[in-house]
C-alpha atoms as a PDB file:
ATOM      1  CA  MET A   1     -15.607  -3.353  -7.978  1.00  0.00           C
ATOM      2  CA  GLU A   2     -13.135  -5.952  -9.240  1.00  0.00           C
ATOM      3  CA  TYR A   3     -11.506  -8.401  -6.829  1.00  0.00           C
ATOM      4  CA  ARG A   4      -8.099  -9.981  -7.272  1.00  0.00           C
ATOM      5  CA  ARG A   5      -6.328 -12.816  -5.411  1.00  0.00           C
ATOM      6  CA  LEU A   6      -3.397 -11.822  -3.251  1.00  0.00           C
ATOM      7  CA  GLY A   7      -0.754 -13.558  -5.281  1.00  0.00           C
ATOM      8  CA  LYS A   8      -1.215 -17.308  -5.168  1.00  0.00           C
ATOM      9  CA  SER A   9      -3.114 -17.148  -1.867  1.00  0.00           C
ATOM     10  CA  GLY A  10      -6.857 -17.742  -1.667  1.00  0.00           C
ATOM     11  CA  ILE A  11      -7.758 -14.370  -0.136  1.00  0.00           C
ATOM     12  CA  GLN A  12      -9.325 -11.785  -2.489  1.00  0.00           C
ATOM     13  CA  LEU A  13      -8.815  -8.035  -2.226  1.00  0.00           C
ATOM     14  CA  SER A  14     -10.715  -5.283  -3.953  1.00  0.00           C
ATOM     15  CA  SER A  15      -8.518  -3.964  -6.725  1.00  0.00           C
ATOM     16  CA  LEU A  16      -8.916  -0.502  -5.158  1.00  0.00           C
ATOM     17  CA  SER A  17      -8.396  -0.203  -1.394  1.00  0.00           C
ATOM     18  CA  LEU A  18      -8.164   2.549   1.217  1.00  0.00           C
ATOM     19  CA  GLY A  19      -5.053   3.397   3.198  1.00  0.00           C
ATOM     20  CA  SER A  20      -4.714   5.714   6.184  1.00  0.00           C
ATOM     21  CA  TRP A  21      -1.103   6.911   5.836  1.00  0.00           C
ATOM     22  CA  LEU A  22      -0.771  10.639   6.546  1.00  0.00           C
ATOM     23  CA  THR A  23      -4.528  11.104   6.912  1.00  0.00           C
ATOM     24  CA  PHE A  24      -6.222   9.191   9.724  1.00  0.00           C
ATOM     25  CA  GLY A  25      -5.361  10.608  13.141  1.00  0.00           C
ATOM     26  CA  ALA A  26      -3.359  13.428  11.538  1.00  0.00           C
ATOM     27  CA  GLN A  27      -4.383  15.329   8.416  1.00  0.00           C
ATOM     28  CA  ILE A  28      -8.154  14.764   8.568  1.00  0.00           C
ATOM     29  CA  SER A  29     -10.844  14.719  11.279  1.00  0.00           C
ATOM     30  CA  ASP A  30     -12.232  11.493  12.663  1.00  0.00           C
ATOM     31  CA  LYS A  31     -15.593  12.390  11.102  1.00  0.00           C
ATOM     32  CA  THR A  32     -14.025  12.642   7.661  1.00  0.00           C
ATOM     33  CA  ALA A  33     -12.234   9.363   8.170  1.00  0.00           C
ATOM     34  CA  ASP A  34     -15.537   7.731   9.045  1.00  0.00           C
ATOM     35  CA  GLU A  35     -17.130   9.154   5.883  1.00  0.00           C
ATOM     36  CA  LEU A  36     -14.237   7.950   3.730  1.00  0.00           C
ATOM     37  CA  MET A  37     -14.396   4.430   5.075  1.00  0.00           C
ATOM     38  CA  GLY A  38     -18.151   4.281   4.552  1.00  0.00           C
ATOM     39  CA  LEU A  39     -17.839   5.560   0.980  1.00  0.00           C
ATOM     40  CA  ALA A  40     -15.121   3.012   0.232  1.00  0.00           C
ATOM     41  CA  TYR A  41     -17.004   0.080   1.765  1.00  0.00           C
ATOM     42  CA  ASP A  42     -20.253   0.984  -0.061  1.00  0.00           C
ATOM     43  CA  ALA A  43     -18.274   1.054  -3.346  1.00  0.00           C
ATOM     44  CA  GLY A  44     -17.058  -2.483  -2.781  1.00  0.00           C
ATOM     45  CA  VAL A  45     -13.694  -1.824  -1.122  1.00  0.00           C
ATOM     46  CA  ASN A  46     -12.886  -4.641   1.286  1.00  0.00           C
ATOM     47  CA  PHE A  47      -9.260  -3.859   2.239  1.00  0.00           C
ATOM     48  CA  PHE A  48      -8.268  -1.128   4.662  1.00  0.00           C
ATOM     49  CA  ASP A  49      -4.539  -0.632   5.157  1.00  0.00           C
ATOM     50  CA  ASN A  50      -2.876   0.655   8.308  1.00  0.00           C
ATOM     51  CA  ALA A  51       0.342   0.496  10.410  1.00  0.00           C
ATOM     52  CA  GLU A  52       1.590   0.996  13.941  1.00  0.00           C
ATOM     53  CA  GLY A  53       3.744   3.892  12.706  1.00  0.00           C
ATOM     54  CA  TYR A  54       0.921   5.865  11.078  1.00  0.00           C
ATOM     55  CA  ALA A  55       0.331   8.944  13.269  1.00  0.00           C
ATOM     56  CA  GLU A  56       2.197   7.053  15.960  1.00  0.00           C
ATOM     57  CA  GLY A  57      -0.611   4.599  16.497  1.00  0.00           C
ATOM     58  CA  LYS A  58      -3.467   7.146  16.310  1.00  0.00           C
ATOM     59  CA  SER A  59      -4.360   6.078  12.800  1.00  0.00           C
ATOM     60  CA  GLU A  60      -5.195   2.596  14.037  1.00  0.00           C
ATOM     61  CA  GLU A  61      -7.143   3.968  16.971  1.00  0.00           C
ATOM     62  CA  VAL A  62      -9.325   6.047  14.604  1.00  0.00           C
ATOM     63  CA  MET A  63      -9.850   3.119  12.267  1.00  0.00           C
ATOM     64  CA  GLY A  64     -10.704   0.831  15.131  1.00  0.00           C
ATOM     65  CA  LYS A  65     -13.379   3.136  16.468  1.00  0.00           C
ATOM     66  CA  ILE A  66     -14.903   3.385  13.010  1.00  0.00           C
ATOM     67  CA  LEU A  67     -14.866  -0.412  12.460  1.00  0.00           C
ATOM     68  CA  LYS A  68     -16.573  -0.928  15.803  1.00  0.00           C
ATOM     69  CA  ALA A  69     -19.231   1.751  15.110  1.00  0.00           C
ATOM     70  CA  LYS A  70     -19.926   0.437  11.587  1.00  0.00           C
ATOM     71  CA  LYS A  71     -20.583  -3.078  12.817  1.00  0.00           C
ATOM     72  CA  TRP A  72     -19.696  -4.553   9.459  1.00  0.00           C
ATOM     73  CA  GLU A  73     -19.555  -8.342   9.362  1.00  0.00           C
ATOM     74  CA  ARG A  74     -15.926  -9.292  10.068  1.00  0.00           C
ATOM     75  CA  GLU A  75     -15.830 -11.602   7.077  1.00  0.00           C
ATOM     76  CA  SER A  76     -16.684  -8.719   4.753  1.00  0.00           C
ATOM     77  CA  PHE A  77     -13.460  -6.714   5.205  1.00  0.00           C
ATOM     78  CA  VAL A  78      -9.710  -7.131   5.314  1.00  0.00           C
ATOM     79  CA  VAL A  79      -7.628  -5.019   7.661  1.00  0.00           C
ATOM     80  CA  SER A  80      -3.854  -4.799   7.928  1.00  0.00           C
ATOM     81  CA  SER A  81      -1.170  -3.457  10.183  1.00  0.00           C
ATOM     82  CA  LYS A  82       2.549  -3.140   9.848  1.00  0.00           C
ATOM     83  CA  VAL A  83       5.386  -3.558  12.369  1.00  0.00           C
ATOM     84  CA  PHE A  84       8.769  -1.830  12.526  1.00  0.00           C
ATOM     85  CA  PHE A  85       8.609   1.864  13.276  1.00  0.00           C
ATOM     86  CA  GLY A  86       6.808   1.593  16.616  1.00  0.00           C
ATOM     87  CA  THR A  87       4.371   4.190  17.964  1.00  0.00           C
ATOM     88  CA  ALA A  88       4.954   7.368  19.993  1.00  0.00           C
ATOM     89  CA  GLN A  89       7.186   5.719  22.620  1.00  0.00           C
ATOM     90  CA  LYS A  90      10.560   4.854  21.047  1.00  0.00           C
ATOM     91  CA  GLY A  91      13.405   2.965  22.622  1.00  0.00           C
ATOM     92  CA  PRO A  92      15.018  -0.464  22.910  1.00  0.00           C
ATOM     93  CA  ASN A  93      12.661  -3.274  21.800  1.00  0.00           C
ATOM     94  CA  ARG A  94       9.958  -0.769  20.763  1.00  0.00           C
ATOM     95  CA  ILE A  95      10.967  -0.725  17.119  1.00  0.00           C
ATOM     96  CA  GLY A  96      12.304  -3.225  14.629  1.00  0.00           C
ATOM     97  CA  LEU A  97      11.490  -6.897  13.902  1.00  0.00           C
ATOM     98  CA  SER A  98      12.647  -8.712  17.010  1.00  0.00           C
ATOM     99  CA  ARG A  99      10.366 -11.482  18.271  1.00  0.00           C
ATOM    100  CA  LYS A 100       9.567  -9.273  21.283  1.00  0.00           C
ATOM    101  CA  HIS A 101       8.496  -6.290  19.307  1.00  0.00           C
ATOM    102  CA  ILE A 102       6.604  -8.252  16.657  1.00  0.00           C
ATOM    103  CA  ILE A 103       4.492 -10.078  19.274  1.00  0.00           C
ATOM    104  CA  GLU A 104       3.905  -7.012  21.439  1.00  0.00           C
ATOM    105  CA  ALA A 105       3.172  -4.783  18.423  1.00  0.00           C
ATOM    106  CA  CYS A 106       0.612  -7.210  17.084  1.00  0.00           C
ATOM    107  CA  ASN A 107      -1.199  -7.372  20.400  1.00  0.00           C
ATOM    108  CA  ALA A 108      -1.196  -3.559  20.575  1.00  0.00           C
ATOM    109  CA  ALA A 109      -2.464  -3.246  17.014  1.00  0.00           C
ATOM    110  CA  LEU A 110      -5.336  -5.642  17.768  1.00  0.00           C
ATOM    111  CA  LYS A 111      -6.385  -3.452  20.679  1.00  0.00           C
ATOM    112  CA  ARG A 112      -6.156  -0.229  18.681  1.00  0.00           C
ATOM    113  CA  LEU A 113      -8.072  -1.648  15.710  1.00  0.00           C
ATOM    114  CA  GLN A 114     -10.523  -3.419  18.044  1.00  0.00           C
ATOM    115  CA  VAL A 115     -10.406  -6.691  16.081  1.00  0.00           C
ATOM    116  CA  ASP A 116      -9.607 -10.253  17.139  1.00  0.00           C
ATOM    117  CA  TYR A 117      -7.161 -10.876  14.318  1.00  0.00           C
ATOM    118  CA  LEU A 118      -5.316  -9.031  11.519  1.00  0.00           C
ATOM    119  CA  ASP A 119      -5.921 -10.344   8.043  1.00  0.00           C
ATOM    120  CA  LEU A 120      -2.567  -9.054   6.770  1.00  0.00           C
ATOM    121  CA  TYR A 121       0.492  -8.219   8.811  1.00  0.00           C
ATOM    122  CA  PHE A 122       3.466  -6.559   7.157  1.00  0.00           C
ATOM    123  CA  CYS A 123       7.132  -6.169   8.201  1.00  0.00           C
ATOM    124  CA  HIS A 124       7.216  -2.462   7.400  1.00  0.00           C
ATOM    125  CA  ARG A 125      10.942  -2.354   6.594  1.00  0.00           C
ATOM    126  CA  PRO A 126      13.803  -4.864   6.815  1.00  0.00           C
ATOM    127  CA  ASP A 127      15.605  -4.937  10.132  1.00  0.00           C
ATOM    128  CA  LYS A 128      19.390  -5.203   9.747  1.00  0.00           C
ATOM    129  CA  ASN A 129      19.755  -5.858  13.469  1.00  0.00           C
ATOM    130  CA  THR A 130      17.492  -8.915  13.675  1.00  0.00           C
ATOM    131  CA  PRO A 131      18.151 -12.277  11.956  1.00  0.00           C
ATOM    132  CA  ILE A 132      15.524 -13.011   9.382  1.00  0.00           C
ATOM    133  CA  GLU A 133      15.038 -16.437  11.018  1.00  0.00           C
ATOM    134  CA  GLU A 134      13.835 -14.711  14.188  1.00  0.00           C
ATOM    135  CA  THR A 135      11.352 -12.625  12.246  1.00  0.00           C
ATOM    136  CA  VAL A 136       9.974 -15.553  10.272  1.00  0.00           C
ATOM    137  CA  TRP A 137       9.558 -17.640  13.443  1.00  0.00           C
ATOM    138  CA  ALA A 138       7.740 -14.781  15.184  1.00  0.00           C
ATOM    139  CA  MET A 139       5.350 -14.334  12.314  1.00  0.00           C
ATOM    140  CA  ASN A 140       4.677 -18.095  12.238  1.00  0.00           C
ATOM    141  CA  THR A 141       3.937 -18.037  15.956  1.00  0.00           C
ATOM    142  CA  LEU A 142       1.285 -15.304  15.375  1.00  0.00           C
ATOM    143  CA  LEU A 143      -0.209 -17.386  12.539  1.00  0.00           C
ATOM    144  CA  GLN A 144      -0.455 -20.417  14.782  1.00  0.00           C
ATOM    145  CA  GLN A 145      -2.116 -18.297  17.486  1.00  0.00           C
ATOM    146  CA  GLY A 146      -4.713 -17.037  14.967  1.00  0.00           C
ATOM    147  CA  LYS A 147      -3.758 -13.422  15.548  1.00  0.00           C
ATOM    148  CA  ILE A 148      -2.777 -12.914  11.911  1.00  0.00           C
ATOM    149  CA  LEU A 149      -3.886 -14.741   8.766  1.00  0.00           C
ATOM    150  CA  TYR A 150      -1.145 -13.783   6.333  1.00  0.00           C
ATOM    151  CA  TRP A 151       2.154 -12.030   6.708  1.00  0.00           C
ATOM    152  CA  GLY A 152       4.388 -10.182   4.301  1.00  0.00           C
ATOM    153  CA  THR A 153       6.891  -7.444   3.844  1.00  0.00           C
ATOM    154  CA  SER A 154       7.020  -3.793   2.760  1.00  0.00           C
ATOM    155  CA  GLU A 155       9.938  -2.239   0.896  1.00  0.00           C
ATOM    156  CA  TRP A 156      12.219  -5.285   1.352  1.00  0.00           C
ATOM    157  CA  SER A 157      14.712  -6.149  -1.310  1.00  0.00           C
ATOM    158  CA  ALA A 158      14.174  -9.248  -3.460  1.00  0.00           C
ATOM    159  CA  VAL A 159      17.181 -10.861  -1.790  1.00  0.00           C
ATOM    160  CA  GLU A 160      15.721 -10.288   1.720  1.00  0.00           C
ATOM    161  CA  ILE A 161      12.341 -11.692   0.690  1.00  0.00           C
ATOM    162  CA  MET A 162      14.036 -14.747  -0.878  1.00  0.00           C
ATOM    163  CA  GLU A 163      15.893 -15.363   2.357  1.00  0.00           C
ATOM    164  CA  ALA A 164      12.629 -15.246   4.285  1.00  0.00           C
ATOM    165  CA  ILE A 165      11.142 -17.785   1.864  1.00  0.00           C
ATOM    166  CA  ARG A 166      14.242 -19.978   2.245  1.00  0.00           C
ATOM    167  CA  VAL A 167      14.096 -19.935   6.066  1.00  0.00           C
ATOM    168  CA  ALA A 168      10.369 -20.775   6.008  1.00  0.00           C
ATOM    169  CA  LYS A 169      10.978 -23.727   3.730  1.00  0.00           C
ATOM    170  CA  GLN A 170      13.936 -24.951   5.804  1.00  0.00           C
ATOM    171  CA  TYR A 171      11.940 -25.014   9.025  1.00  0.00           C
ATOM    172  CA  HIS A 172       8.587 -25.932   7.466  1.00  0.00           C
ATOM    173  CA  LEU A 173       7.064 -22.585   8.416  1.00  0.00           C
ATOM    174  CA  ILE A 174       4.668 -20.299   6.525  1.00  0.00           C
ATOM    175  CA  GLY A 175       6.616 -17.786   4.540  1.00  0.00           C
ATOM    176  CA  PRO A 176       5.623 -14.312   3.316  1.00  0.00           C
ATOM    177  CA  THR A 177       2.468 -14.070   1.144  1.00  0.00           C
ATOM    178  CA  MET A 178       2.756 -10.442  -0.003  1.00  0.00           C
ATOM    179  CA  GLU A 179       4.937  -7.383  -0.391  1.00  0.00           C
ATOM    180  CA  GLN A 180       3.858  -3.717  -0.259  1.00  0.00           C
ATOM    181  CA  PRO A 181       6.100  -1.593  -2.484  1.00  0.00           C
ATOM    182  CA  GLN A 182       5.779   1.875  -3.932  1.00  0.00           C
ATOM    183  CA  TYR A 183       4.535   1.576  -7.549  1.00  0.00           C
ATOM    184  CA  ASN A 184       3.470   4.226 -10.000  1.00  0.00           C
ATOM    185  CA  LEU A 185       4.357   5.638 -13.406  1.00  0.00           C
ATOM    186  CA  PHE A 186       7.606   7.014 -12.002  1.00  0.00           C
ATOM    187  CA  GLU A 187       8.582   4.223  -9.584  1.00  0.00           C
ATOM    188  CA  ARG A 188       8.608   0.781 -11.286  1.00  0.00           C
ATOM    189  CA  ASN A 189      11.917  -1.016 -10.819  1.00  0.00           C
ATOM    190  CA  LYS A 190      11.095  -3.259  -7.876  1.00  0.00           C
ATOM    191  CA  VAL A 191       7.730  -4.520  -9.218  1.00  0.00           C
ATOM    192  CA  GLU A 192       8.718  -4.826 -12.855  1.00  0.00           C
ATOM    193  CA  ASN A 193      12.314  -5.985 -12.429  1.00  0.00           C
ATOM    194  CA  ASP A 194      13.611  -6.973  -8.947  1.00  0.00           C
ATOM    195  CA  TYR A 195      10.521  -8.954  -7.914  1.00  0.00           C
ATOM    196  CA  LEU A 196       9.867 -10.782 -11.182  1.00  0.00           C
ATOM    197  CA  LEU A 197      11.162 -14.162  -9.937  1.00  0.00           C
ATOM    198  CA  LEU A 198       9.216 -13.788  -6.662  1.00  0.00           C
ATOM    199  CA  LEU A 199       6.038 -12.916  -8.534  1.00  0.00           C
ATOM    200  CA  ASN A 200       6.293 -15.558 -11.235  1.00  0.00           C
ATOM    201  CA  GLU A 201       7.851 -18.482  -9.356  1.00  0.00           C
ATOM    202  CA  TYR A 202       6.593 -17.981  -5.779  1.00  0.00           C
ATOM    203  CA  GLY A 203       3.303 -16.218  -6.397  1.00  0.00           C
ATOM    204  CA  LEU A 204       3.997 -13.244  -4.127  1.00  0.00           C
ATOM    205  CA  GLY A 205       1.080 -10.821  -3.927  1.00  0.00           C
ATOM    206  CA  ILE A 206       1.568  -7.119  -4.372  1.00  0.00           C
ATOM    207  CA  THR A 207      -0.375  -4.350  -2.515  1.00  0.00           C
ATOM    208  CA  ILE A 208       0.990  -1.085  -3.873  1.00  0.00           C
ATOM    209  CA  TRP A 209       1.275   2.321  -2.153  1.00  0.00           C
ATOM    210  CA  SER A 210       1.687   5.796  -3.626  1.00  0.00           C
ATOM    211  CA  PRO A 211       0.041   5.034  -7.016  1.00  0.00           C
ATOM    212  CA  LEU A 212      -0.248   8.764  -7.639  1.00  0.00           C
ATOM    213  CA  ALA A 213       3.334   9.498  -6.527  1.00  0.00           C
ATOM    214  CA  SER A 214       2.030  11.292  -3.467  1.00  0.00           C
ATOM    215  CA  GLY A 215      -0.168  13.577  -5.566  1.00  0.00           C
ATOM    216  CA  VAL A 216       2.225  14.450  -8.429  1.00  0.00           C
ATOM    217  CA  LEU A 217       0.084  12.280 -10.727  1.00  0.00           C
ATOM    218  CA  SER A 218      -3.230  13.452  -9.255  1.00  0.00           C
ATOM    219  CA  GLY A 219      -3.638  16.510 -11.461  1.00  0.00           C
ATOM    220  CA  LYS A 220      -3.148  18.997  -8.638  1.00  0.00           C
ATOM    221  CA  TYR A 221       0.207  20.165  -9.930  1.00  0.00           C
ATOM    222  CA  THR A 222      -0.817  20.337 -13.545  1.00  0.00           C
ATOM    223  CA  SER A 223      -3.898  22.377 -12.664  1.00  0.00           C
ATOM    224  CA  GLY A 224      -2.081  24.794 -10.369  1.00  0.00           C
ATOM    225  CA  LYS A 225      -4.314  23.818  -7.403  1.00  0.00           C
ATOM    226  CA  ALA A 226      -1.604  22.229  -5.289  1.00  0.00           C
ATOM    227  CA  LYS A 227      -2.197  23.803  -1.898  1.00  0.00           C
ATOM    228  CA  ASP A 228      -1.986  22.162   1.529  1.00  0.00           C
ATOM    229  CA  THR A 229      -0.985  18.803   0.014  1.00  0.00           C
ATOM    230  CA  ARG A 230       0.491  15.842   1.840  1.00  0.00           C
ATOM    231  CA  LEU A 231       3.883  16.949   0.550  1.00  0.00           C
ATOM    232  CA  ASP A 232       3.477  20.105   2.616  1.00  0.00           C
ATOM    233  CA  VAL A 233       2.939  18.133   5.851  1.00  0.00           C
ATOM    234  CA  LYS A 234       5.793  18.619   8.348  1.00  0.00           C
ATOM    235  CA  GLY A 235       8.143  15.694   8.176  1.00  0.00           C
ATOM    236  CA  ASN A 236       7.564  14.939   4.503  1.00  0.00           C
ATOM    237  CA  GLU A 237      10.317  17.182   3.155  1.00  0.00           C
ATOM    238  CA  TRP A 238      12.222  14.077   1.992  1.00  0.00           C
ATOM    239  CA  LEU A 239       9.228  13.034  -0.087  1.00  0.00           C
ATOM    240  CA  LYS A 240       8.706  16.537  -1.525  1.00  0.00           C
ATOM    241  CA  ASP A 241      12.336  16.817  -2.594  1.00  0.00           C
ATOM    242  CA  ALA A 242      12.215  13.395  -4.270  1.00  0.00           C
ATOM    243  CA  LEU A 243       8.972  13.951  -6.199  1.00  0.00           C
ATOM    244  CA  LEU A 244       8.685  17.652  -7.057  1.00  0.00           C
ATOM    245  CA  THR A 245      11.468  17.650  -9.626  1.00  0.00           C
ATOM    246  CA  ASP A 246      11.297  19.539 -12.904  1.00  0.00           C
ATOM    247  CA  ASP A 247      11.528  16.266 -14.781  1.00  0.00           C
ATOM    248  CA  LYS A 248       8.551  14.667 -13.009  1.00  0.00           C
ATOM    249  CA  LEU A 249       6.401  17.812 -13.226  1.00  0.00           C
ATOM    250  CA  LYS A 250       7.145  18.086 -16.970  1.00  0.00           C
ATOM    251  CA  LYS A 251       6.116  14.447 -17.479  1.00  0.00           C
ATOM    252  CA  ALA A 252       2.974  14.900 -15.412  1.00  0.00           C
ATOM    253  CA  ALA A 253       2.017  17.833 -17.627  1.00  0.00           C
ATOM    254  CA  ALA A 254       2.463  15.659 -20.726  1.00  0.00           C
ATOM    255  CA  LEU A 255       0.373  12.931 -19.176  1.00  0.00           C
ATOM    256  CA  GLN A 256      -2.313  15.466 -18.386  1.00  0.00           C
ATOM    257  CA  LYS A 257      -2.659  16.143 -22.094  1.00  0.00           C
ATOM    258  CA  ILE A 258      -3.418  12.438 -22.722  1.00  0.00           C
ATOM    259  CA  ALA A 259      -5.920  12.441 -19.866  1.00  0.00           C
ATOM    260  CA  ASP A 260      -7.601  15.488 -21.421  1.00  0.00           C
ATOM    261  CA  GLU A 261      -7.860  13.695 -24.745  1.00  0.00           C
ATOM    262  CA  LEU A 262      -9.664  10.828 -23.005  1.00  0.00           C
ATOM    263  CA  ASN A 263     -11.725  13.276 -20.995  1.00  0.00           C
ATOM    264  CA  VAL A 264     -10.743  11.663 -17.701  1.00  0.00           C
ATOM    265  CA  PRO A 265      -8.851  13.054 -14.670  1.00  0.00           C
ATOM    266  CA  LEU A 266      -5.129  12.432 -14.618  1.00  0.00           C
ATOM    267  CA  ALA A 267      -5.550  10.658 -11.236  1.00  0.00           C
ATOM    268  CA  LYS A 268      -7.915   8.076 -12.744  1.00  0.00           C
ATOM    269  CA  LEU A 269      -5.590   7.506 -15.716  1.00  0.00           C
ATOM    270  CA  SER A 270      -2.637   6.975 -13.405  1.00  0.00           C
ATOM    271  CA  LEU A 271      -4.543   4.583 -11.114  1.00  0.00           C
ATOM    272  CA  ALA A 272      -5.886   2.581 -14.054  1.00  0.00           C
ATOM    273  CA  TRP A 273      -2.359   2.280 -15.457  1.00  0.00           C
ATOM    274  CA  CYS A 274      -1.258   0.587 -12.211  1.00  0.00           C
ATOM    275  CA  LEU A 275      -4.078  -1.941 -12.553  1.00  0.00           C
ATOM    276  CA  THR A 276      -2.880  -2.937 -16.031  1.00  0.00           C
ATOM    277  CA  ASN A 277      -0.122  -4.857 -14.282  1.00  0.00           C
ATOM    278  CA  PRO A 278      -1.605  -8.300 -13.520  1.00  0.00           C
ATOM    279  CA  HIS A 279       0.758  -8.772 -10.593  1.00  0.00           C
ATOM    280  CA  VAL A 280      -0.831  -5.861  -8.727  1.00  0.00           C
ATOM    281  CA  SER A 281      -3.323  -7.317  -6.251  1.00  0.00           C
ATOM    282  CA  THR A 282      -4.664  -3.972  -5.043  1.00  0.00           C
ATOM    283  CA  VAL A 283      -3.965  -0.263  -5.434  1.00  0.00           C
ATOM    284  CA  ILE A 284      -4.085   1.520  -2.067  1.00  0.00           C
ATOM    285  CA  LEU A 285      -5.804   4.875  -2.321  1.00  0.00           C
ATOM    286  CA  GLY A 286      -5.104   7.755   0.015  1.00  0.00           C
ATOM    287  CA  ALA A 287      -7.739  10.445   0.380  1.00  0.00           C
ATOM    288  CA  SER A 288      -8.415  13.501   2.517  1.00  0.00           C
ATOM    289  CA  LYS A 289     -11.747  14.524   0.957  1.00  0.00           C
ATOM    290  CA  PRO A 290     -14.867  12.468   0.142  1.00  0.00           C
ATOM    291  CA  GLU A 291     -15.226  13.888  -3.375  1.00  0.00           C
ATOM    292  CA  GLN A 292     -11.616  12.971  -4.082  1.00  0.00           C
ATOM    293  CA  LEU A 293     -12.213   9.391  -3.030  1.00  0.00           C
ATOM    294  CA  LYS A 294     -15.486   9.111  -4.935  1.00  0.00           C
ATOM    295  CA  GLU A 295     -13.705  10.152  -8.113  1.00  0.00           C
ATOM    296  CA  ASN A 296     -10.748   7.769  -7.696  1.00  0.00           C
ATOM    297  CA  LEU A 297     -12.954   4.819  -6.871  1.00  0.00           C
ATOM    298  CA  THR A 298     -14.229   4.946 -10.449  1.00  0.00           C
ATOM    299  CA  ALA A 299     -10.746   4.412 -11.899  1.00  0.00           C
ATOM    300  CA  LEU A 300     -11.746   0.975 -13.183  1.00  0.00           C
ATOM    301  CA  GLU A 301     -13.854   2.744 -15.796  1.00  0.00           C
ATOM    302  CA  VAL A 302     -10.673   3.908 -17.489  1.00  0.00           C
ATOM    303  CA  LEU A 303      -9.111   0.487 -17.954  1.00  0.00           C
ATOM    304  CA  PRO A 304     -10.857  -0.302 -21.272  1.00  0.00           C
ATOM    305  CA  LEU A 305      -9.450   2.951 -22.690  1.00  0.00           C
ATOM    306  CA  LEU A 306      -5.814   1.869 -22.066  1.00  0.00           C
ATOM    307  CA  THR A 307      -5.118   0.268 -25.433  1.00  0.00           C
ATOM    308  CA  THR A 308      -1.701  -0.988 -26.422  1.00  0.00           C
ATOM    309  CA  GLU A 309      -1.191   2.124 -28.542  1.00  0.00           C
ATOM    310  CA  LEU A 310      -2.090   4.423 -25.635  1.00  0.00           C
ATOM    311  CA  LEU A 311       0.166   2.548 -23.210  1.00  0.00           C
ATOM    312  CA  LEU A 312       3.044   3.017 -25.679  1.00  0.00           C
ATOM    313  CA  ARG A 313       2.333   6.750 -25.792  1.00  0.00           C
ATOM    314  CA  ILE A 314       2.412   6.858 -21.996  1.00  0.00           C
ATOM    315  CA  GLU A 315       5.705   4.922 -22.056  1.00  0.00           C
ATOM    316  CA  ASP A 316       7.248   7.403 -24.433  1.00  0.00           C
ATOM    317  CA  ILE A 317       6.439  10.180 -21.982  1.00  0.00           C
ATOM    318  CA  VAL A 318       7.564   8.682 -18.669  1.00  0.00           C
ATOM    319  CA  GLU A 319      10.509   6.672 -19.980  1.00  0.00           C
ATOM    320  CA  SER A 320      10.508   4.748 -16.692  1.00  0.00           C
ATOM    321  CA  LYS A 321      10.344   1.159 -17.891  1.00  0.00           C
ATOM    322  CA  PRO A 322      13.185  -0.626 -16.074  1.00  0.00           C
ATOM    323  CA  LYS A 323      15.896  -2.589 -17.918  1.00  0.00           C
ATOM    324  CA  LEU A 324      15.581  -6.219 -16.807  1.00  0.00           C
ATOM    325  CA  SER A 325      18.384  -7.583 -14.717  1.00  0.00           C
ATOM    326  CA  GLN A 326      20.580 -10.169 -16.335  1.00  0.00           C
ATOM    327  CA  PHE A 327      20.764 -13.381 -14.303  1.00  0.00           C
END
């Protein structure tokens, strides 16, 4: 396993990590979740990603039980949560990024995950109804209390992150350390364009989700074996409509030919491509089957095969490289 610093911070994350979105507490059994975490940990994975909104809090409960049963040394793993969407009970002050919800959600996540502190705590989406100052102060309070070690954002715009950094500097607080955006061969604009100043000048770390475009780049759709996928899960219709387009499926088929030439699965090729970006601190893997995870955890083996010439061939297929903004 390779380990990378989270931006300019001192903490190191395994370049491949395990996330629980759509799986823990929902799509898979607790036994399978336990097996997946064990496989990941034994392979050198030290980062496990979660959120209050995943399976309405059940995902964190499942992961917490597993962490307690495994009895791994606390220093050996990194665990995250995210705040914004709330759990099963919705209503005033139960969602968003108000000081009240941030503090209460953190305390609830600690109980569900059965840990004394969260290594990483993300603001899962921007909250248009709460001043960024209030959110930054609330996160700083949790840092001072030792309940979180680093805080960051997920799917915020560059302008919103810059504002959080400005507020933190103004009041001598600790600003965001990381952002968790979607990043894959189809979705690149934020990481490769919008965030460039934040990455280069402020050292923001990046923990990416959906590196396989929710399975479109996994090889399932190019092999004709796409049955009972996460895109078929109730509530994911928006994701399915956005990803299963003729254009994306055509490009995935062309990428499959390159993977076949290299004699590697398309999933491993797609994951390795994400790791060629030096700004990516970790690629969060999602898995519902042990054999699937075992395969993807070997993606680092493909990195040496991604020559400049091969990367250009991939670029010619996906045509997704963003045009840089003019400042």
